[in-house]
Amino acid sequence: VEHRKGAAAVVPVLPDGKILMVRQYRNALNRFTLEIPAGSRDSVTEPTIECASRELEEETGYRCDNLEFLLSLRTTVAFCNEMIDVYVARDLIPSEQHLDEGEYIELEAHELSELCELVYQGVIQDGKTVAAIMAYKNKYC
């Protein structure tokens, strides 16, 4: 499967150290999932940092003036060439959510230790989210 545009994701860190997550329904799994905010680039030339910034505000209602690169990953190399750059957002600035038509997202704030436990329990299975949580823990804690 070719994923031509690529994507970006962001680990939004609140002032108290909790990580802001999005809960949304995923048709492919027929259930709700807990993930970091993410989305596809608007074009192949859009810098992933701009995509991450846009998705942060669209999905969470926060923006950040200083995103920090965390890692790049390939989601499923056996059958897909999708690439996602993941950033960390601190010093979040309240803004407004701009959800797509028909998109419904619940925001949840979690302690990093709780998110790690949800990964180990198999509750969080989304690849980009697992990689981002573990990379964030390894780099910053």
Foldseek 3Di string as FASTA:
>chain_A
DEDQQAKEFEFEAEPVRWTKWKWWADPVVRGIATATFMDGDPGNPDPRVVRHQVRCCQAPQKGAPDKAWQDKDQQDVVPYRHIYTYTYGYPIDGGHHNYDVPTDIDMDTGHLVVVVVCVVVVRHDRRVRNVVSVSCVVPPD
